[in-house]
N, C-alpha and C. Protein backbone atom coordinates (compact mmCIF):
# COMPACT_ATOMS: atom_id res chain seq x y z
N MET A 1 195.91 109.34 151.54
CA MET A 1 195.25 110.47 150.89
C MET A 1 194.60 109.24 149.51
N SER A 2 194.91 108.98 148.45
CA SER A 2 194.76 108.13 147.98
C SER A 2 193.41 107.80 148.13
N LEU A 3 192.72 107.37 148.81
CA LEU A 3 191.95 106.40 149.63
C LEU A 3 190.92 107.99 149.41
N LEU A 4 191.39 108.21 150.60
CA LEU A 4 190.58 109.44 150.49
C LEU A 4 189.98 109.79 149.18
N MET A 5 190.61 110.54 148.53
CA MET A 5 190.33 111.18 147.14
C MET A 5 189.01 110.14 146.63
N LYS A 6 189.75 108.56 146.45
CA LYS A 6 188.44 107.50 146.07
C LYS A 6 187.09 108.28 146.72
N LEU A 7 187.12 107.81 148.12
CA LEU A 7 185.64 107.57 148.39
C LEU A 7 185.13 109.34 148.20
N PHE A 8 186.15 110.27 148.43
CA PHE A 8 185.62 111.85 148.52
C PHE A 8 184.78 111.53 146.81
N GLY A 9 185.45 111.42 145.75
CA GLY A 9 185.29 111.18 144.55
C GLY A 9 183.73 110.50 144.06
N GLY A 10 183.84 109.33 145.13
CA GLY A 10 182.45 108.84 144.68
C GLY A 10 181.22 108.86 145.48
N ALA A 11 181.84 109.68 146.58
CA ALA A 11 180.60 109.99 146.79
C ALA A 11 180.27 111.00 146.25
N VAL A 12 181.27 112.24 146.12
CA VAL A 12 180.48 112.99 145.18
C VAL A 12 179.21 112.66 143.64
N ALA A 13 180.35 112.32 142.86
CA ALA A 13 179.88 111.47 142.11
C ALA A 13 178.38 110.98 142.32
N VAL A 14 178.08 110.29 143.57
CA VAL A 14 176.83 109.98 143.44
C VAL A 14 175.85 111.16 144.12
N ALA A 15 176.76 111.94 144.39
CA ALA A 15 175.16 113.04 145.38
C ALA A 15 175.01 113.58 143.49
N GLY A 16 175.96 114.12 142.81
CA GLY A 16 175.57 114.43 141.40
C GLY A 16 174.63 114.29 140.78
N GLY A 17 174.66 112.32 141.09
CA GLY A 17 174.02 111.41 139.96
C GLY A 17 172.27 111.67 140.77
N ASP A 18 172.38 111.86 142.07
CA ASP A 18 170.87 111.93 143.12
C ASP A 18 170.33 113.15 142.31
N LYS A 19 171.05 114.26 141.96
CA LYS A 19 170.52 115.42 141.78
C LYS A 19 170.03 115.77 140.13
N LEU A 20 171.04 114.71 139.35
CA LEU A 20 170.74 114.05 138.00
C LEU A 20 169.27 113.55 137.80
N ILE A 21 168.79 112.02 138.44
CA ILE A 21 167.81 112.15 138.14
C ILE A 21 166.11 113.16 139.29
N GLY A 22 166.58 114.00 139.95
CA GLY A 22 165.71 114.76 139.85
C GLY A 22 165.10 114.78 141.26
N ASN A 23 166.26 114.60 142.19
CA ASN A 23 165.88 114.05 143.65
C ASN A 23 165.21 116.04 144.05
N GLN A 24 163.54 115.35 144.31
CA GLN A 24 162.46 116.86 144.72
C GLN A 24 163.12 117.42 146.25
N GLY A 25 164.17 116.81 147.23
CA GLY A 25 165.00 118.21 147.63
C GLY A 25 166.22 119.17 147.10
N TYR A 26 166.61 118.44 146.42
CA TYR A 26 167.83 119.15 145.93
C TYR A 26 166.86 120.22 144.49
N ARG A 27 165.58 119.82 144.41
CA ARG A 27 165.40 120.70 142.76
C ARG A 27 164.85 121.67 144.23
N GLY A 28 164.22 121.52 145.07
CA GLY A 28 164.02 122.24 145.96
C GLY A 28 165.23 123.29 146.09
N MET A 29 166.24 122.99 146.54
CA MET A 29 167.61 123.68 147.56
C MET A 29 167.80 124.40 145.79
N PHE A 30 167.58 124.41 144.78
CA PHE A 30 168.25 124.92 143.56
C PHE A 30 167.28 126.06 142.91
N ARG A 31 166.34 125.52 143.05
CA ARG A 31 164.91 126.93 142.87
C ARG A 31 165.36 127.96 143.74
N HIS A 32 165.19 127.25 145.02
CA HIS A 32 165.62 128.50 146.30
C HIS A 32 166.63 128.92 145.49
N LEU A 33 167.67 128.75 145.14
CA LEU A 33 169.25 129.86 144.67
C LEU A 33 168.92 130.04 143.33
N GLY A 34 167.45 130.21 142.87
CA GLY A 34 167.01 131.19 141.39
C GLY A 34 167.62 129.97 140.41
N TRP A 35 167.96 128.69 140.34
CA TRP A 35 168.85 128.43 139.22
C TRP A 35 167.65 127.36 138.95
N SER A 36 167.34 127.07 137.09
CA SER A 36 166.31 126.55 136.69
C SER A 36 166.74 125.03 136.81
N ASP A 37 165.86 123.80 136.51
CA ASP A 37 165.42 122.46 136.50
C ASP A 37 167.16 122.57 135.16
N GLN A 38 167.42 122.78 134.03
CA GLN A 38 168.01 122.96 133.16
C GLN A 38 169.35 123.13 133.83
N ALA A 39 169.76 124.16 134.38
CA ALA A 39 171.13 124.71 134.84
C ALA A 39 171.96 123.56 136.16
N MET A 40 170.68 123.20 137.11
CA MET A 40 170.88 122.45 137.85
C MET A 40 171.37 121.32 137.94
N ARG A 41 170.70 120.68 136.48
CA ARG A 41 170.99 118.90 136.06
C ARG A 41 172.42 119.74 135.03
N THR A 42 172.95 120.52 134.99
CA THR A 42 173.91 120.49 133.77
C THR A 42 174.22 120.69 134.97
N ALA A 43 174.42 120.82 136.46
CA ALA A 43 176.02 121.06 137.28
C ALA A 43 175.84 119.97 138.03
N ALA A 44 174.67 118.86 137.75
CA ALA A 44 174.91 117.95 138.44
C ALA A 44 175.76 116.70 137.43
N ALA A 45 175.35 116.93 136.08
CA ALA A 45 176.29 116.19 135.31
C ALA A 45 177.16 116.24 135.48
N ALA A 46 178.16 117.52 135.76
CA ALA A 46 179.81 117.74 135.79
C ALA A 46 179.19 117.45 137.35
N GLU A 47 179.38 117.91 138.23
CA GLU A 47 179.76 116.85 139.63
C GLU A 47 179.74 115.72 139.39
N THR A 48 178.70 114.23 138.56
CA THR A 48 179.24 113.01 138.82
C THR A 48 180.24 113.16 137.82
N LEU A 49 180.23 113.70 137.19
CA LEU A 49 181.32 113.06 135.78
C LEU A 49 182.68 113.37 137.11
N GLY A 50 182.93 114.54 136.95
CA GLY A 50 184.01 115.10 138.10
C GLY A 50 184.23 114.30 139.30
N GLY A 51 182.98 113.95 140.02
CA GLY A 51 183.26 112.79 141.12
C GLY A 51 184.19 111.14 140.57
N MET A 52 183.18 111.34 139.59
CA MET A 52 183.81 109.75 138.96
C MET A 52 185.14 110.20 138.29
N LEU A 53 185.71 110.76 137.52
CA LEU A 53 187.03 111.60 137.26
C LEU A 53 188.17 111.44 138.66
N MET A 54 187.93 111.80 140.13
CA MET A 54 188.10 111.74 141.22
C MET A 54 188.63 110.44 141.67
N VAL A 55 188.39 109.15 140.89
CA VAL A 55 188.30 108.28 141.46
C VAL A 55 189.66 107.20 141.26
N PRO A 56 189.49 107.27 140.00
CA PRO A 56 190.94 106.81 139.80
C PRO A 56 192.56 107.86 139.43
N ALA A 57 193.78 107.64 139.88
CA ALA A 57 194.63 108.78 139.92
C ALA A 57 194.84 109.36 138.23
N GLY A 58 194.71 108.53 137.57
CA GLY A 58 195.10 108.86 136.36
C GLY A 58 194.48 110.52 135.74
N THR A 59 192.84 110.75 136.45
CA THR A 59 192.04 111.68 136.06
C THR A 59 191.59 112.65 137.31
N ARG A 60 192.41 112.14 138.60
CA ARG A 60 191.73 113.35 138.99
C ARG A 60 191.84 114.92 139.67
N ARG A 61 192.88 115.12 138.74
CA ARG A 61 193.05 116.71 138.78
C ARG A 61 192.11 117.13 138.18
N LEU A 62 191.57 116.41 136.80
CA LEU A 62 190.24 116.89 135.85
C LEU A 62 189.58 116.92 137.01
N GLY A 63 188.97 115.48 137.61
CA GLY A 63 188.07 115.72 137.90
C GLY A 63 187.58 116.53 139.10
N GLY A 64 188.82 116.47 140.30
CA GLY A 64 188.96 117.78 140.85
C GLY A 64 188.86 118.84 140.31
N ALA A 65 189.66 119.41 138.93
CA ALA A 65 189.08 120.68 138.50
C ALA A 65 187.22 120.85 138.32
N LEU A 66 186.93 119.74 137.39
CA LEU A 66 185.55 120.25 137.56
C LEU A 66 184.97 120.55 139.04
N VAL A 67 185.17 119.21 139.88
CA VAL A 67 183.95 119.41 141.41
C VAL A 67 184.68 120.88 141.43
N ALA A 68 185.74 120.96 141.99
CA ALA A 68 186.19 122.58 142.27
C ALA A 68 184.91 123.67 141.42
N GLY A 69 184.96 123.71 140.02
CA GLY A 69 184.44 124.61 139.60
C GLY A 69 182.52 124.42 139.68
N VAL A 70 182.09 123.72 139.50
CA VAL A 70 181.29 124.06 139.62
C VAL A 70 180.83 123.89 141.30
N SER A 71 181.36 123.41 142.30
CA SER A 71 180.94 123.91 143.37
C SER A 71 181.46 125.57 143.62
N ALA A 72 182.04 125.86 142.84
CA ALA A 72 182.62 127.80 143.24
C ALA A 72 181.30 128.15 143.05
N ALA A 73 180.14 127.66 141.73
CA ALA A 73 179.74 128.28 141.15
C ALA A 73 178.36 128.15 142.63
N VAL A 74 178.16 127.31 142.52
CA VAL A 74 177.14 126.64 143.40
C VAL A 74 176.96 127.98 144.91
N LEU A 75 177.80 127.59 145.43
CA LEU A 75 178.79 128.14 146.53
C LEU A 75 178.24 129.86 146.18
N VAL A 76 178.63 130.41 145.05
CA VAL A 76 178.67 131.51 145.15
C VAL A 76 177.16 131.84 145.14
N SER A 77 176.59 131.21 144.72
CA SER A 77 174.64 131.43 144.72
C SER A 77 174.07 131.22 146.26
N GLU A 78 175.13 130.35 146.20
CA GLU A 78 174.18 130.49 147.95
C GLU A 78 175.10 131.28 149.27
N LEU A 79 176.14 131.84 148.87
CA LEU A 79 176.62 133.42 149.71
C LEU A 79 175.66 134.36 148.97
N ARG A 80 175.02 134.22 147.81
CA ARG A 80 174.28 135.76 147.60
C ARG A 80 172.95 135.63 148.43
N ARG A 81 172.78 134.40 148.84
CA ARG A 81 171.03 134.40 149.12
C ARG A 81 171.55 134.17 150.38
N GLY A 82 172.59 134.32 150.96
CA GLY A 82 172.64 134.23 152.75
C GLY A 82 172.89 133.20 153.35
N ASP A 83 172.99 132.00 152.62
CA ASP A 83 172.36 130.44 152.69
C ASP A 83 173.81 129.72 153.66
N GLY A 84 174.10 129.91 154.44
CA GLY A 84 175.38 129.67 155.47
C GLY A 84 175.12 128.10 155.66
N LYS A 85 173.74 127.97 155.87
CA LYS A 85 173.83 126.27 156.22
C LYS A 85 174.40 125.35 154.99
N LEU A 86 173.53 125.87 153.66
CA LEU A 86 174.36 125.35 153.02
C LEU A 86 175.34 125.25 152.46
N ALA A 87 175.97 126.77 152.43
CA ALA A 87 177.32 127.18 151.95
C ALA A 87 178.60 126.25 152.99
N LEU A 88 178.42 125.99 154.49
CA LEU A 88 179.43 125.46 154.74
C LEU A 88 179.53 123.50 154.23
N PRO A 89 178.40 122.87 154.18
CA PRO A 89 178.53 121.85 153.30
C PRO A 89 179.51 122.14 152.09
N ARG A 90 178.92 122.81 151.45
CA ARG A 90 179.21 123.13 149.51
C ARG A 90 180.74 123.53 149.91
N ALA A 91 181.33 124.25 150.64
CA ALA A 91 183.08 124.78 151.26
C ALA A 91 183.94 123.36 150.95
N VAL A 92 182.75 122.43 151.83
CA VAL A 92 184.20 121.63 152.37
C VAL A 92 183.86 120.47 150.50
N VAL A 93 183.24 120.67 149.86
CA VAL A 93 182.98 120.22 147.87
C VAL A 93 184.09 120.70 147.23
N LEU A 94 183.78 121.86 147.37
CA LEU A 94 185.09 122.93 146.98
C LEU A 94 186.28 122.58 147.53
N ALA A 95 186.40 122.11 148.70
CA ALA A 95 188.04 122.09 149.27
C ALA A 95 188.54 120.91 148.52
N GLY A 96 187.52 120.05 148.49
CA GLY A 96 187.95 118.41 148.36
C GLY A 96 188.35 118.04 146.53
N GLY A 97 187.25 118.82 145.82
CA GLY A 97 187.60 119.22 144.99
C GLY A 97 189.12 120.17 144.01
N ALA A 98 189.48 121.26 145.29
CA ALA A 98 190.47 121.23 145.23
C ALA A 98 191.80 120.62 145.66
N LEU A 99 191.62 120.08 146.26
CA LEU A 99 192.44 118.81 146.47
C LEU A 99 193.13 118.21 145.94
N GLY A 100 192.08 117.61 145.49
CA GLY A 100 192.13 116.59 143.93
C GLY A 100 192.43 117.42 142.39
N LEU A 101 192.52 118.86 142.38
CA LEU A 101 192.95 119.58 141.50
C LEU A 101 194.80 119.16 141.68
N LEU A 102 194.80 119.73 142.90
CA LEU A 102 196.16 120.08 143.09
C LEU A 102 197.45 118.88 143.49
N ALA A 103 196.17 117.03 143.30
CA ALA A 103 197.34 116.40 143.59
C ALA A 103 197.60 115.59 142.73
N ARG A 104 199.18 114.73 143.22
CA ARG A 104 200.44 114.64 142.33
C ARG A 104 199.78 114.02 141.05
N ARG A 105 200.48 113.91 140.01
CA ARG A 105 200.51 113.02 139.15
C ARG A 105 201.37 111.77 139.33
N ARG A 106 200.91 110.74 138.76
CA ARG A 106 202.02 109.27 139.47
C ARG A 106 202.68 108.71 138.13
């Protein structure tokens, strides 16, 4: 499970970084959800930091909390918009963050 959490955290950090640099696809997606560029970048920063914190076991719970929190906020927006195609992958990210949050301390 530890390796899976490291990989998951790295993937989330990369996706957050992609949003941070302003990838046009993400900009369009967040605009569609009614989020400003600043709100998208704030969520992206939390996602990037959370993903990075999920890699080492000692900070995994904190990282999981950040990832789960930002994913929940985005998921609520997606569900309000009726975007099931966007909501399903985000729900998986939320679940991964929750797993990190529930990880045992070592």
